[in-house]
Amino acid sequence: MAITNGYCTLAEVKAALRLTDSTDDTLLEKSIEGASRRIDGYCGRFFYQTTKTIKLFPVDDFSVGLPDLATATGLVVKTDTAGDGTFATTWSASDYYLEPTDVSLQSRPYTRLTAQGDKSFPFLYQPPRPTIEITGTFGWPSIPNDVREACVLLSIRGFSRYNAALGVVGFGDMAIQVRAVDPDVRDLLSPYRAFGVI
């Protein structure tokens, strides 16, 4: 099977496990996918890229929060000024700017769109409607190294879980219970958690 939107590779996990054969490749790939989706849930965001069209409610006349936007390339911003559900007004790149403005320094996504010049976002109160439509590539510009490392650790944990009945691993006469949250993984991922995700 192929890994879909995984945050590490099969080769990275096999190297960490010191495996050279391909006997367990399918189970390892499933563990990588599972670990990647678990990271998404823990962080409240995803680090792969996907192109989608979404509709947003503006928070004021000039600013709207964005889900993680990986790149400005190919971004299309439209507004519904008539309130009829048709996003007929297309904005040019000079009508807005993306924030934070220094994302290229940290390889982070854009998270806010702000109108500039004489542009503003329309509000529709009765009934409230989304008035902004954005087509773009969402996610992160690249997978952060901390997220990749956390994925390797979680993948190993998931793979090892197949041999840990009821969450208990045995070593000779000794048994160790598998912890619910790996503190190393938690520390690696903490800086990437979206605000408000517990």
Foldseek 3Di string as FASTA:
>chain_A
DDADQFLADLVVLCVVVVHDDCPCVVLLSVLRNVLQVVLCQQQVAHADKDWDKDFFAAPDFWKRWDAFFADPPPKWKFFDQPPPPDRPGTDDPLQWDFPPPPCVVVQGGTTMITGDDPHTHDADVVPGDGTMMMTGMGHTNGRDPLSSVLSSVSSVVSSCVVQAVPQWDDDVPDIDGHDPDDVSSCVSSVVSHDPPRD
